[in-house]
Amino acid sequence: MERDMEHIEELETGTTTVGLTIGSGVVLAADKRATMGHLKASKEAQKVFQIDDTLGITIAGSVGDAQRLIRFMQSELKKRKLETRELSVRGSATLLANVLQGSKMMPYMNQFIMGGLDNDGKAVFDLDPLGGRMEQKKFTSTGSGSPTAYGVLEDSYEEDMNIEEGVKIAIRAVEAASERDTASGDGIDVAKITGSGFNRLSPEEVEDYMD
């Protein structure tokens, strides 16, 4: 356990990601900056991914680790759907948590937010590098900019918001974090997940929400 805690203390997740449950679905958002120490490695890093028809995930931490796990989840969920039946959002989060838990001696250096819709409704989970999985009924945030993002979410989130209002708050939370956190910035990636599926907003659509 001591070794595991050392890994957690060393984990630096220079980013801001957020996930919200809204009346008709889920909103996921993240900034686009990737850093290597003090170097800005990319201004167009993708941190919001689709992993099934109505299921998405955000990443914070090691890009290589995250991309490997996303490929695994996309492949595994497709295989499960063909062989047996589609996993629920909770089942998908548990699957990823089990993979992370199974590697806890050499953990993947990542935090994830997984959110989407299934027959039971909407759900958002956050997952830590050791496989901890917690369901969040309203919203959650990961990364170095999360303290600022949480301030916006706590102040602005309302139970009866519609999906468009949820998108605006998610963007505002990431935008505020980008103003204060040097490891976050360079634009915002946003996805709406509703009964119609996973819809990634274009940069122009994001700009419209910011006006």
N, C-alpha and C. Protein backbone atom coordinates (compact mmCIF):
# COMPACT_ATOMS: atom_id res chain seq x y z
N MET A 1 0.84 -1.21 0.00
CA MET A 1 0.00 0.00 0.00
C MET A 1 0.87 1.25 0.00
N GLU A 2 1.99 1.18 0.71
CA GLU A 2 2.87 2.35 0.77
C GLU A 2 3.38 2.69 -0.62
N ARG A 3 3.76 1.62 -1.37
CA ARG A 3 4.24 1.86 -2.72
C ARG A 3 3.15 2.46 -3.58
N ASP A 4 1.93 1.96 -3.45
CA ASP A 4 0.82 2.49 -4.22
C ASP A 4 0.59 3.96 -3.93
N MET A 5 0.66 4.35 -2.65
CA MET A 5 0.44 5.74 -2.29
C MET A 5 1.53 6.63 -2.86
N GLU A 6 2.77 6.08 -2.95
CA GLU A 6 3.84 6.86 -3.57
C GLU A 6 3.50 7.17 -5.02
N HIS A 7 2.94 6.17 -5.73
CA HIS A 7 2.54 6.40 -7.13
C HIS A 7 1.49 7.50 -7.22
N ILE A 8 0.53 7.47 -6.31
CA ILE A 8 -0.54 8.47 -6.34
C ILE A 8 0.02 9.86 -6.09
N GLU A 9 0.94 9.96 -5.13
CA GLU A 9 1.51 11.27 -4.81
C GLU A 9 2.34 11.82 -5.95
N GLU A 10 2.92 10.92 -6.78
CA GLU A 10 3.72 11.36 -7.90
C GLU A 10 2.88 11.74 -9.11
N LEU A 11 1.61 11.35 -9.10
CA LEU A 11 0.75 11.56 -10.27
C LEU A 11 0.43 13.03 -10.44
N GLU A 12 0.81 13.58 -11.57
CA GLU A 12 0.49 14.96 -11.89
C GLU A 12 -0.40 14.98 -13.12
N THR A 13 -1.64 15.37 -12.94
CA THR A 13 -2.58 15.35 -14.06
C THR A 13 -2.83 16.78 -14.49
N GLY A 14 -1.96 17.27 -15.40
CA GLY A 14 -2.06 18.65 -15.85
C GLY A 14 -3.14 18.84 -16.88
N THR A 15 -4.36 18.98 -16.43
CA THR A 15 -5.49 19.14 -17.33
C THR A 15 -6.73 19.52 -16.53
N THR A 16 -7.83 19.71 -17.22
CA THR A 16 -9.13 19.90 -16.56
C THR A 16 -10.17 19.14 -17.35
N THR A 17 -10.86 18.22 -16.71
CA THR A 17 -11.98 17.53 -17.34
C THR A 17 -13.17 17.59 -16.39
N VAL A 18 -14.37 17.60 -16.97
CA VAL A 18 -15.58 17.63 -16.16
C VAL A 18 -16.63 16.70 -16.76
N GLY A 19 -17.51 16.21 -15.90
CA GLY A 19 -18.64 15.40 -16.32
C GLY A 19 -19.86 15.79 -15.53
N LEU A 20 -21.00 15.96 -16.21
CA LEU A 20 -22.24 16.37 -15.55
C LEU A 20 -23.38 15.45 -15.98
N THR A 21 -24.24 15.12 -15.04
CA THR A 21 -25.50 14.47 -15.39
C THR A 21 -26.57 15.56 -15.51
N ILE A 22 -27.29 15.55 -16.62
CA ILE A 22 -28.33 16.53 -16.89
C ILE A 22 -29.64 15.76 -17.10
N GLY A 23 -30.76 16.45 -17.02
CA GLY A 23 -32.05 15.80 -17.12
C GLY A 23 -32.17 14.77 -18.23
N SER A 24 -31.69 15.12 -19.43
CA SER A 24 -31.86 14.23 -20.57
C SER A 24 -30.57 13.52 -20.98
N GLY A 25 -29.51 13.65 -20.22
CA GLY A 25 -28.28 12.99 -20.62
C GLY A 25 -27.07 13.38 -19.79
N VAL A 26 -25.92 13.37 -20.46
CA VAL A 26 -24.62 13.60 -19.81
C VAL A 26 -23.81 14.55 -20.68
N VAL A 27 -23.03 15.41 -20.04
CA VAL A 27 -22.10 16.29 -20.74
C VAL A 27 -20.68 16.00 -20.25
N LEU A 28 -19.77 15.81 -21.17
CA LEU A 28 -18.35 15.64 -20.86
C LEU A 28 -17.57 16.75 -21.54
N ALA A 29 -16.56 17.29 -20.85
CA ALA A 29 -15.77 18.37 -21.43
C ALA A 29 -14.35 18.34 -20.89
N ALA A 30 -13.42 18.87 -21.66
CA ALA A 30 -12.02 18.92 -21.24
C ALA A 30 -11.29 20.00 -22.04
N ASP A 31 -10.17 20.44 -21.51
CA ASP A 31 -9.32 21.37 -22.26
C ASP A 31 -8.51 20.57 -23.28
N LYS A 32 -7.69 21.24 -24.08
CA LYS A 32 -6.95 20.58 -25.16
C LYS A 32 -5.43 20.66 -25.02
N ARG A 33 -4.95 21.13 -23.88
CA ARG A 33 -3.51 21.29 -23.72
C ARG A 33 -2.87 20.02 -23.17
N ALA A 34 -1.78 19.59 -23.80
CA ALA A 34 -0.98 18.47 -23.29
C ALA A 34 0.39 19.01 -22.91
N THR A 35 0.86 18.65 -21.73
CA THR A 35 2.13 19.17 -21.23
C THR A 35 3.12 18.05 -20.95
N MET A 36 4.40 18.40 -21.07
CA MET A 36 5.51 17.52 -20.65
C MET A 36 6.38 18.36 -19.73
N GLY A 37 6.13 18.26 -18.42
CA GLY A 37 6.80 19.15 -17.49
C GLY A 37 6.34 20.57 -17.74
N HIS A 38 7.29 21.46 -18.01
CA HIS A 38 6.94 22.85 -18.29
C HIS A 38 6.74 23.12 -19.78
N LEU A 39 6.89 22.08 -20.61
CA LEU A 39 6.73 22.24 -22.05
C LEU A 39 5.28 22.01 -22.46
N LYS A 40 4.73 22.89 -23.27
CA LYS A 40 3.41 22.70 -23.85
C LYS A 40 3.59 21.80 -25.07
N ALA A 41 3.28 20.51 -24.92
CA ALA A 41 3.57 19.52 -25.96
C ALA A 41 2.55 19.55 -27.09
N SER A 42 1.30 19.91 -26.79
CA SER A 42 0.27 19.95 -27.83
C SER A 42 -0.81 20.94 -27.43
N LYS A 43 -1.37 21.59 -28.45
CA LYS A 43 -2.50 22.49 -28.24
C LYS A 43 -3.80 21.88 -28.74
N GLU A 44 -3.73 20.65 -29.22
CA GLU A 44 -4.90 20.00 -29.80
C GLU A 44 -5.07 18.57 -29.28
N ALA A 45 -4.72 18.35 -28.04
CA ALA A 45 -4.83 17.01 -27.47
C ALA A 45 -6.29 16.64 -27.25
N GLN A 46 -6.66 15.43 -27.64
CA GLN A 46 -8.02 14.95 -27.42
C GLN A 46 -8.10 14.28 -26.06
N LYS A 47 -9.04 14.72 -25.24
CA LYS A 47 -9.21 14.16 -23.90
C LYS A 47 -10.63 13.67 -23.65
N VAL A 48 -11.49 13.81 -24.64
CA VAL A 48 -12.87 13.29 -24.56
C VAL A 48 -13.03 12.27 -25.68
N PHE A 49 -13.41 11.04 -25.33
CA PHE A 49 -13.49 9.96 -26.31
C PHE A 49 -14.85 9.27 -26.24
N GLN A 50 -15.31 8.80 -27.38
CA GLN A 50 -16.48 7.94 -27.44
C GLN A 50 -16.01 6.49 -27.34
N ILE A 51 -16.62 5.71 -26.45
CA ILE A 51 -16.24 4.31 -26.34
C ILE A 51 -17.40 3.36 -26.65
N ASP A 52 -18.61 3.89 -26.80
CA ASP A 52 -19.76 3.11 -27.26
C ASP A 52 -20.81 4.08 -27.77
N ASP A 53 -21.94 3.56 -28.23
CA ASP A 53 -22.94 4.41 -28.86
C ASP A 53 -23.37 5.58 -27.99
N THR A 54 -23.63 5.32 -26.72
CA THR A 54 -24.07 6.36 -25.79
C THR A 54 -23.19 6.38 -24.54
N LEU A 55 -21.89 6.22 -24.74
CA LEU A 55 -20.95 6.16 -23.63
C LEU A 55 -19.66 6.88 -24.00
N GLY A 56 -19.19 7.75 -23.12
CA GLY A 56 -17.96 8.49 -23.36
C GLY A 56 -17.07 8.48 -22.15
N ILE A 57 -15.84 8.97 -22.34
CA ILE A 57 -14.87 8.97 -21.25
C ILE A 57 -13.93 10.17 -21.43
N THR A 58 -13.48 10.74 -20.31
CA THR A 58 -12.44 11.78 -20.35
C THR A 58 -11.19 11.22 -19.71
N ILE A 59 -10.04 11.78 -20.10
CA ILE A 59 -8.77 11.29 -19.58
C ILE A 59 -7.99 12.43 -18.95
N ALA A 60 -7.25 12.07 -17.90
CA ALA A 60 -6.27 12.98 -17.29
C ALA A 60 -5.07 12.13 -16.90
N GLY A 61 -3.87 12.61 -17.16
CA GLY A 61 -2.67 11.86 -16.82
C GLY A 61 -1.89 11.44 -18.04
N SER A 62 -1.25 10.29 -17.97
CA SER A 62 -0.38 9.79 -19.03
C SER A 62 -1.18 9.50 -20.30
N VAL A 63 -0.78 10.12 -21.40
CA VAL A 63 -1.50 9.96 -22.66
C VAL A 63 -1.39 8.52 -23.17
N GLY A 64 -0.19 7.95 -23.13
CA GLY A 64 0.00 6.60 -23.62
C GLY A 64 -0.84 5.58 -22.87
N ASP A 65 -0.83 5.67 -21.55
CA ASP A 65 -1.64 4.76 -20.74
C ASP A 65 -3.12 4.91 -21.07
N ALA A 66 -3.57 6.15 -21.16
CA ALA A 66 -4.98 6.40 -21.41
C ALA A 66 -5.41 5.87 -22.77
N GLN A 67 -4.61 6.11 -23.80
CA GLN A 67 -4.97 5.65 -25.14
C GLN A 67 -5.04 4.13 -25.20
N ARG A 68 -4.13 3.46 -24.50
CA ARG A 68 -4.17 1.99 -24.48
C ARG A 68 -5.46 1.49 -23.84
N LEU A 69 -5.85 2.11 -22.72
CA LEU A 69 -7.06 1.67 -22.03
C LEU A 69 -8.32 2.00 -22.83
N ILE A 70 -8.32 3.11 -23.53
CA ILE A 70 -9.47 3.46 -24.36
C ILE A 70 -9.62 2.46 -25.50
N ARG A 71 -8.52 2.09 -26.14
CA ARG A 71 -8.59 1.07 -27.20
C ARG A 71 -9.12 -0.24 -26.64
N PHE A 72 -8.67 -0.61 -25.45
CA PHE A 72 -9.15 -1.84 -24.82
C PHE A 72 -10.66 -1.76 -24.58
N MET A 73 -11.12 -0.64 -24.01
CA MET A 73 -12.54 -0.51 -23.69
C MET A 73 -13.39 -0.53 -24.96
N GLN A 74 -12.98 0.18 -25.99
CA GLN A 74 -13.74 0.20 -27.24
C GLN A 74 -13.85 -1.20 -27.82
N SER A 75 -12.74 -1.93 -27.81
CA SER A 75 -12.74 -3.29 -28.35
C SER A 75 -13.56 -4.24 -27.50
N GLU A 76 -13.41 -4.15 -26.19
CA GLU A 76 -14.10 -5.07 -25.29
C GLU A 76 -15.61 -4.84 -25.31
N LEU A 77 -16.04 -3.60 -25.33
CA LEU A 77 -17.47 -3.32 -25.36
C LEU A 77 -18.09 -3.78 -26.67
N LYS A 78 -17.37 -3.63 -27.78
CA LYS A 78 -17.88 -4.10 -29.06
C LYS A 78 -17.99 -5.63 -29.04
N LYS A 79 -16.98 -6.28 -28.48
CA LYS A 79 -17.00 -7.74 -28.41
C LYS A 79 -18.13 -8.24 -27.52
N ARG A 80 -18.32 -7.60 -26.37
CA ARG A 80 -19.40 -8.01 -25.46
C ARG A 80 -20.75 -7.87 -26.15
N LYS A 81 -20.91 -6.81 -26.91
CA LYS A 81 -22.18 -6.55 -27.59
C LYS A 81 -22.47 -7.65 -28.63
N LEU A 82 -21.43 -8.10 -29.31
CA LEU A 82 -21.60 -9.14 -30.32
C LEU A 82 -21.82 -10.52 -29.71
N GLU A 83 -21.13 -10.80 -28.60
CA GLU A 83 -21.16 -12.14 -28.03
C GLU A 83 -22.32 -12.36 -27.06
N THR A 84 -22.62 -11.38 -26.27
CA THR A 84 -23.65 -11.56 -25.25
C THR A 84 -24.65 -10.42 -25.32
N ARG A 85 -24.39 -9.38 -24.53
CA ARG A 85 -25.26 -8.22 -24.57
C ARG A 85 -24.45 -7.00 -24.16
N GLU A 86 -24.98 -5.84 -24.48
CA GLU A 86 -24.29 -4.59 -24.21
C GLU A 86 -24.16 -4.35 -22.71
N LEU A 87 -22.97 -3.93 -22.28
CA LEU A 87 -22.77 -3.60 -20.87
C LEU A 87 -23.44 -2.27 -20.54
N SER A 88 -23.96 -2.15 -19.33
CA SER A 88 -24.51 -0.89 -18.84
C SER A 88 -23.36 0.09 -18.58
N VAL A 89 -23.71 1.33 -18.29
CA VAL A 89 -22.69 2.31 -17.91
C VAL A 89 -21.98 1.83 -16.65
N ARG A 90 -22.75 1.35 -15.68
CA ARG A 90 -22.15 0.86 -14.44
C ARG A 90 -21.24 -0.34 -14.71
N GLY A 91 -21.71 -1.25 -15.57
CA GLY A 91 -20.90 -2.42 -15.90
C GLY A 91 -19.62 -2.04 -16.61
N SER A 92 -19.69 -1.06 -17.50
CA SER A 92 -18.50 -0.60 -18.21
C SER A 92 -17.50 0.04 -17.25
N ALA A 93 -18.01 0.85 -16.30
CA ALA A 93 -17.14 1.47 -15.31
C ALA A 93 -16.49 0.41 -14.42
N THR A 94 -17.24 -0.62 -14.08
CA THR A 94 -16.69 -1.71 -13.27
C THR A 94 -15.61 -2.47 -14.03
N LEU A 95 -15.84 -2.69 -15.32
CA LEU A 95 -14.82 -3.36 -16.15
C LEU A 95 -13.52 -2.59 -16.14
N LEU A 96 -13.57 -1.27 -16.37
CA LEU A 96 -12.36 -0.46 -16.35
C LEU A 96 -11.74 -0.44 -14.96
N ALA A 97 -12.57 -0.35 -13.93
CA ALA A 97 -12.06 -0.36 -12.55
C ALA A 97 -11.31 -1.65 -12.26
N ASN A 98 -11.81 -2.78 -12.75
CA ASN A 98 -11.15 -4.06 -12.53
C ASN A 98 -9.79 -4.11 -13.22
N VAL A 99 -9.72 -3.54 -14.43
CA VAL A 99 -8.43 -3.50 -15.14
C VAL A 99 -7.43 -2.65 -14.35
N LEU A 100 -7.87 -1.50 -13.87
CA LEU A 100 -6.99 -0.62 -13.09
C LEU A 100 -6.58 -1.29 -11.78
N GLN A 101 -7.51 -1.93 -11.11
CA GLN A 101 -7.20 -2.62 -9.86
C GLN A 101 -6.20 -3.75 -10.09
N GLY A 102 -6.35 -4.46 -11.21
CA GLY A 102 -5.45 -5.56 -11.51
C GLY A 102 -4.03 -5.12 -11.80
N SER A 103 -3.82 -3.83 -12.05
CA SER A 103 -2.48 -3.30 -12.35
C SER A 103 -1.99 -2.37 -11.25
N LYS A 104 -2.54 -2.52 -10.04
CA LYS A 104 -2.25 -1.53 -9.01
C LYS A 104 -0.79 -1.52 -8.54
N MET A 105 -0.07 -2.63 -8.73
CA MET A 105 1.34 -2.62 -8.35
C MET A 105 2.18 -1.80 -9.32
N MET A 106 1.73 -1.72 -10.56
CA MET A 106 2.35 -0.85 -11.57
C MET A 106 1.22 -0.08 -12.24
N PRO A 107 0.63 0.88 -11.55
CA PRO A 107 -0.64 1.47 -12.00
C PRO A 107 -0.53 2.32 -13.26
N TYR A 108 -1.63 2.30 -14.00
CA TYR A 108 -1.79 3.27 -15.08
C TYR A 108 -1.92 4.65 -14.45
N MET A 109 -1.16 5.61 -14.95
CA MET A 109 -1.11 6.92 -14.32
C MET A 109 -2.21 7.83 -14.88
N ASN A 110 -3.44 7.48 -14.54
CA ASN A 110 -4.57 8.20 -15.11
C ASN A 110 -5.74 8.34 -14.14
N GLN A 111 -6.54 9.35 -14.40
CA GLN A 111 -7.87 9.49 -13.83
C GLN A 111 -8.85 9.54 -14.99
N PHE A 112 -10.02 8.97 -14.80
CA PHE A 112 -11.02 8.94 -15.85
C PHE A 112 -12.37 9.41 -15.32
N ILE A 113 -13.16 10.02 -16.20
CA ILE A 113 -14.59 10.24 -15.97
C ILE A 113 -15.31 9.48 -17.07
N MET A 114 -16.21 8.59 -16.69
CA MET A 114 -17.00 7.83 -17.65
C MET A 114 -18.46 8.19 -17.47
N GLY A 115 -19.14 8.51 -18.56
CA GLY A 115 -20.54 8.88 -18.45
C GLY A 115 -21.32 8.49 -19.68
N GLY A 116 -22.60 8.21 -19.46
CA GLY A 116 -23.45 7.86 -20.60
C GLY A 116 -24.84 7.46 -20.19
N LEU A 117 -25.54 6.85 -21.13
CA LEU A 117 -26.93 6.44 -20.94
C LEU A 117 -27.07 4.94 -21.19
N ASP A 118 -28.00 4.31 -20.46
CA ASP A 118 -28.38 2.93 -20.73
C ASP A 118 -29.85 2.78 -20.36
N ASN A 119 -30.32 1.54 -20.27
CA ASN A 119 -31.73 1.30 -19.96
C ASN A 119 -32.13 1.81 -18.58
N ASP A 120 -31.16 1.98 -17.69
CA ASP A 120 -31.45 2.47 -16.34
C ASP A 120 -31.40 3.98 -16.24
N GLY A 121 -31.02 4.66 -17.33
CA GLY A 121 -30.93 6.11 -17.31
C GLY A 121 -29.51 6.60 -17.47
N LYS A 122 -29.24 7.79 -17.00
CA LYS A 122 -27.92 8.42 -17.14
C LYS A 122 -27.06 8.11 -15.92
N ALA A 123 -25.73 8.15 -16.12
CA ALA A 123 -24.82 7.91 -15.00
C ALA A 123 -23.44 8.47 -15.33
N VAL A 124 -22.75 8.94 -14.30
CA VAL A 124 -21.37 9.42 -14.42
C VAL A 124 -20.55 8.80 -13.30
N PHE A 125 -19.37 8.27 -13.64
CA PHE A 125 -18.46 7.67 -12.67
C PHE A 125 -17.09 8.31 -12.82
N ASP A 126 -16.38 8.47 -11.70
CA ASP A 126 -14.97 8.78 -11.83
C ASP A 126 -14.15 7.61 -11.30
N LEU A 127 -12.99 7.40 -11.91
CA LEU A 127 -12.13 6.26 -11.59
C LEU A 127 -10.71 6.75 -11.35
N ASP A 128 -10.07 6.21 -10.29
CA ASP A 128 -8.71 6.61 -9.98
C ASP A 128 -7.72 5.55 -10.44
N PRO A 129 -6.41 5.81 -10.36
CA PRO A 129 -5.41 4.88 -10.90
C PRO A 129 -5.41 3.49 -10.26
N LEU A 130 -5.93 3.36 -9.04
CA LEU A 130 -5.92 2.07 -8.37
C LEU A 130 -7.24 1.32 -8.52
N GLY A 131 -8.13 1.82 -9.36
CA GLY A 131 -9.37 1.12 -9.61
C GLY A 131 -10.53 1.55 -8.76
N GLY A 132 -10.36 2.61 -7.99
CA GLY A 132 -11.49 3.14 -7.24
C GLY A 132 -12.54 3.69 -8.19
N ARG A 133 -13.80 3.32 -7.97
CA ARG A 133 -14.89 3.75 -8.86
C ARG A 133 -16.00 4.36 -8.01
N MET A 134 -16.32 5.61 -8.30
CA MET A 134 -17.36 6.31 -7.54
C MET A 134 -18.38 6.91 -8.49
N GLU A 135 -19.65 6.64 -8.23
CA GLU A 135 -20.70 7.25 -9.03
C GLU A 135 -20.97 8.66 -8.54
N GLN A 136 -21.10 9.60 -9.46
CA GLN A 136 -21.36 10.99 -9.13
C GLN A 136 -22.76 11.36 -9.62
N LYS A 137 -23.65 11.69 -8.73
CA LYS A 137 -25.04 11.94 -9.09
C LYS A 137 -25.24 13.25 -9.84
N LYS A 138 -24.34 14.22 -9.63
CA LYS A 138 -24.50 15.52 -10.26
C LYS A 138 -23.34 15.84 -11.20
N PHE A 139 -22.13 15.97 -10.67
CA PHE A 139 -20.99 16.37 -11.49
C PHE A 139 -19.70 15.93 -10.83
N THR A 140 -18.63 15.95 -11.62
CA THR A 140 -17.31 15.64 -11.10
C THR A 140 -16.27 16.31 -11.99
N SER A 141 -15.03 16.37 -11.52
CA SER A 141 -13.95 16.97 -12.29
C SER A 141 -12.63 16.31 -11.92
N THR A 142 -11.70 16.24 -12.88
CA THR A 142 -10.38 15.69 -12.60
C THR A 142 -9.32 16.63 -13.14
N GLY A 143 -8.09 16.39 -12.72
CA GLY A 143 -6.95 17.14 -13.21
C GLY A 143 -6.56 18.32 -12.34
N SER A 144 -5.46 18.96 -12.72
CA SER A 144 -4.91 20.03 -11.90
C SER A 144 -5.80 21.26 -11.84
N GLY A 145 -6.67 21.43 -12.84
CA GLY A 145 -7.59 22.57 -12.83
C GLY A 145 -8.91 22.30 -12.15
N SER A 146 -9.07 21.08 -11.58
CA SER A 146 -10.36 20.70 -11.02
C SER A 146 -10.82 21.56 -9.84
N PRO A 147 -9.94 22.06 -8.96
CA PRO A 147 -10.45 22.91 -7.87
C PRO A 147 -11.22 24.14 -8.38
N THR A 148 -10.69 24.78 -9.43
CA THR A 148 -11.40 25.93 -10.00
C THR A 148 -12.68 25.49 -10.70
N ALA A 149 -12.61 24.39 -11.43
CA ALA A 149 -13.80 23.87 -12.12
C ALA A 149 -14.90 23.54 -11.12
N TYR A 150 -14.53 22.92 -10.01
CA TYR A 150 -15.53 22.58 -8.99
C TYR A 150 -16.23 23.83 -8.46
N GLY A 151 -15.49 24.93 -8.34
CA GLY A 151 -16.10 26.16 -7.86
C GLY A 151 -17.23 26.62 -8.77
N VAL A 152 -17.00 26.55 -10.09
CA VAL A 152 -18.03 26.92 -11.05
C VAL A 152 -19.20 25.94 -11.00
N LEU A 153 -18.90 24.66 -10.95
CA LEU A 153 -19.95 23.64 -10.94
C LEU A 153 -20.81 23.74 -9.68
N GLU A 154 -20.18 23.92 -8.53
CA GLU A 154 -20.93 24.04 -7.28
C GLU A 154 -21.86 25.26 -7.31
N ASP A 155 -21.40 26.33 -7.92
CA ASP A 155 -22.16 27.57 -7.94
C ASP A 155 -23.29 27.55 -8.96
N SER A 156 -23.07 26.85 -10.09
CA SER A 156 -23.99 26.99 -11.22
C SER A 156 -24.90 25.80 -11.48
N TYR A 157 -24.54 24.62 -11.00
CA TYR A 157 -25.32 23.42 -11.32
C TYR A 157 -26.70 23.46 -10.67
N GLU A 158 -27.71 23.09 -11.44
CA GLU A 158 -29.06 22.98 -10.93
C GLU A 158 -29.68 21.68 -11.40
N GLU A 159 -30.51 21.09 -10.56
CA GLU A 159 -31.08 19.78 -10.83
C GLU A 159 -31.91 19.75 -12.11
N ASP A 160 -32.61 20.84 -12.41
CA ASP A 160 -33.56 20.84 -13.52
C ASP A 160 -32.99 21.46 -14.80
N MET A 161 -31.68 21.53 -14.92
CA MET A 161 -31.07 22.08 -16.14
C MET A 161 -31.35 21.19 -17.34
N ASN A 162 -31.46 21.81 -18.52
CA ASN A 162 -31.53 21.02 -19.74
C ASN A 162 -30.11 20.82 -20.29
N ILE A 163 -30.02 20.04 -21.36
CA ILE A 163 -28.71 19.66 -21.87
C ILE A 163 -27.92 20.86 -22.37
N GLU A 164 -28.60 21.84 -22.95
CA GLU A 164 -27.90 23.01 -23.46
C GLU A 164 -27.32 23.85 -22.32
N GLU A 165 -28.07 23.98 -21.24
CA GLU A 165 -27.56 24.70 -20.07
C GLU A 165 -26.39 23.94 -19.45
N GLY A 166 -26.46 22.61 -19.48
CA GLY A 166 -25.35 21.80 -18.97
C GLY A 166 -24.08 22.00 -19.77
N VAL A 167 -24.22 22.09 -21.09
CA VAL A 167 -23.06 22.34 -21.94
C VAL A 167 -22.42 23.68 -21.59
N LYS A 168 -23.25 24.71 -21.41
CA LYS A 168 -22.72 26.04 -21.08
C LYS A 168 -21.94 26.02 -19.77
N ILE A 169 -22.45 25.32 -18.77
CA ILE A 169 -21.77 25.27 -17.47
C ILE A 169 -20.48 24.47 -17.56
N ALA A 170 -20.51 23.37 -18.31
CA ALA A 170 -19.29 22.57 -18.48
C ALA A 170 -18.21 23.40 -19.15
N ILE A 171 -18.58 24.14 -20.19
CA ILE A 171 -17.62 25.01 -20.88
C ILE A 171 -17.11 26.09 -19.94
N ARG A 172 -18.01 26.69 -19.18
CA ARG A 172 -17.61 27.74 -18.26
C ARG A 172 -16.64 27.22 -17.20
N ALA A 173 -16.87 25.98 -16.74
CA ALA A 173 -16.00 25.39 -15.71
C ALA A 173 -14.59 25.16 -16.26
N VAL A 174 -14.50 24.61 -17.47
CA VAL A 174 -13.18 24.36 -18.07
C VAL A 174 -12.50 25.68 -18.43
N GLU A 175 -13.28 26.63 -18.91
CA GLU A 175 -12.72 27.94 -19.26
C GLU A 175 -12.16 28.64 -18.03
N ALA A 176 -12.88 28.59 -16.91
CA ALA A 176 -12.39 29.21 -15.67
C ALA A 176 -11.12 28.54 -15.19
N ALA A 177 -11.08 27.20 -15.27
CA ALA A 177 -9.87 26.49 -14.85
C ALA A 177 -8.69 26.85 -15.73
N SER A 178 -8.94 27.02 -17.02
CA SER A 178 -7.86 27.37 -17.94
C SER A 178 -7.27 28.74 -17.65
N GLU A 179 -8.07 29.62 -17.06
CA GLU A 179 -7.59 30.96 -16.71
C GLU A 179 -6.64 30.91 -15.52
N ARG A 180 -6.79 29.91 -14.65
CA ARG A 180 -6.02 29.86 -13.41
C ARG A 180 -4.94 28.78 -13.40
N ASP A 181 -5.14 27.72 -14.17
CA ASP A 181 -4.23 26.57 -14.16
C ASP A 181 -3.36 26.60 -15.40
N THR A 182 -2.04 26.70 -15.24
CA THR A 182 -1.15 26.82 -16.39
C THR A 182 -1.08 25.55 -17.22
N ALA A 183 -1.48 24.42 -16.66
CA ALA A 183 -1.44 23.16 -17.40
C ALA A 183 -2.73 22.89 -18.18
N SER A 184 -3.69 23.81 -18.09
CA SER A 184 -4.96 23.66 -18.82
C SER A 184 -5.13 24.82 -19.79
N GLY A 185 -5.79 24.54 -20.92
CA GLY A 185 -6.04 25.62 -21.87
C GLY A 185 -6.07 25.16 -23.30
N ASP A 186 -5.94 26.12 -24.23
CA ASP A 186 -5.87 25.87 -25.68
C ASP A 186 -7.15 25.29 -26.25
N GLY A 187 -8.29 25.73 -25.73
CA GLY A 187 -9.55 25.31 -26.29
C GLY A 187 -10.27 24.29 -25.43
N ILE A 188 -11.49 23.97 -25.83
CA ILE A 188 -12.34 23.08 -25.04
C ILE A 188 -13.00 22.07 -25.96
N ASP A 189 -12.93 20.81 -25.57
CA ASP A 189 -13.58 19.71 -26.27
C ASP A 189 -14.82 19.31 -25.48
N VAL A 190 -15.98 19.24 -26.14
CA VAL A 190 -17.24 18.98 -25.45
C VAL A 190 -18.03 17.91 -26.19
N ALA A 191 -18.66 17.02 -25.42
CA ALA A 191 -19.55 16.02 -26.00
C ALA A 191 -20.85 15.98 -25.22
N LYS A 192 -21.97 15.91 -25.97
CA LYS A 192 -23.29 15.70 -25.38
C LYS A 192 -23.69 14.25 -25.63
N ILE A 193 -24.16 13.57 -24.58
CA ILE A 193 -24.61 12.20 -24.73
C ILE A 193 -26.09 12.14 -24.34
N THR A 194 -26.92 11.86 -25.32
CA THR A 194 -28.36 11.79 -25.11
C THR A 194 -28.89 10.50 -25.74
N GLY A 195 -30.20 10.36 -25.74
CA GLY A 195 -30.80 9.20 -26.38
C GLY A 195 -30.48 9.13 -27.86
N SER A 196 -30.09 10.24 -28.45
CA SER A 196 -29.73 10.29 -29.87
C SER A 196 -28.31 9.82 -30.13
N GLY A 197 -27.54 9.63 -29.06
CA GLY A 197 -26.17 9.15 -29.21
C GLY A 197 -25.14 10.11 -28.67
N PHE A 198 -23.89 9.87 -29.07
CA PHE A 198 -22.73 10.66 -28.65
C PHE A 198 -22.50 11.74 -29.69
N ASN A 199 -22.56 12.99 -29.27
CA ASN A 199 -22.42 14.11 -30.20
C ASN A 199 -21.30 15.03 -29.74
N ARG A 200 -20.18 15.01 -30.50
CA ARG A 200 -19.06 15.90 -30.18
C ARG A 200 -19.29 17.25 -30.85
N LEU A 201 -19.19 18.31 -30.08
CA LEU A 201 -19.39 19.66 -30.63
C LEU A 201 -18.18 20.09 -31.45
N SER A 202 -18.44 20.79 -32.53
CA SER A 202 -17.35 21.36 -33.33
C SER A 202 -16.78 22.58 -32.59
N PRO A 203 -15.57 23.00 -32.93
CA PRO A 203 -15.02 24.21 -32.31
C PRO A 203 -15.94 25.42 -32.48
N GLU A 204 -16.60 25.50 -33.63
CA GLU A 204 -17.51 26.63 -33.88
C GLU A 204 -18.72 26.56 -32.95
N GLU A 205 -19.23 25.37 -32.73
CA GLU A 205 -20.37 25.21 -31.82
C GLU A 205 -19.98 25.56 -30.39
N VAL A 206 -18.78 25.17 -29.99
CA VAL A 206 -18.29 25.52 -28.66
C VAL A 206 -18.20 27.04 -28.51
N GLU A 207 -17.69 27.70 -29.54
CA GLU A 207 -17.59 29.17 -29.52
C GLU A 207 -18.96 29.80 -29.37
N ASP A 208 -19.97 29.25 -30.04
CA ASP A 208 -21.32 29.78 -29.93
C ASP A 208 -21.83 29.72 -28.50
N TYR A 209 -21.52 28.63 -27.79
CA TYR A 209 -21.95 28.49 -26.40
C TYR A 209 -21.24 29.47 -25.48
N MET A 210 -20.06 29.92 -25.89
CA MET A 210 -19.26 30.83 -25.07
C MET A 210 -19.69 32.28 -25.27
N ASP A 211 -20.46 32.58 -26.29
CA ASP A 211 -20.87 33.96 -26.57
C ASP A 211 -21.88 34.46 -25.53
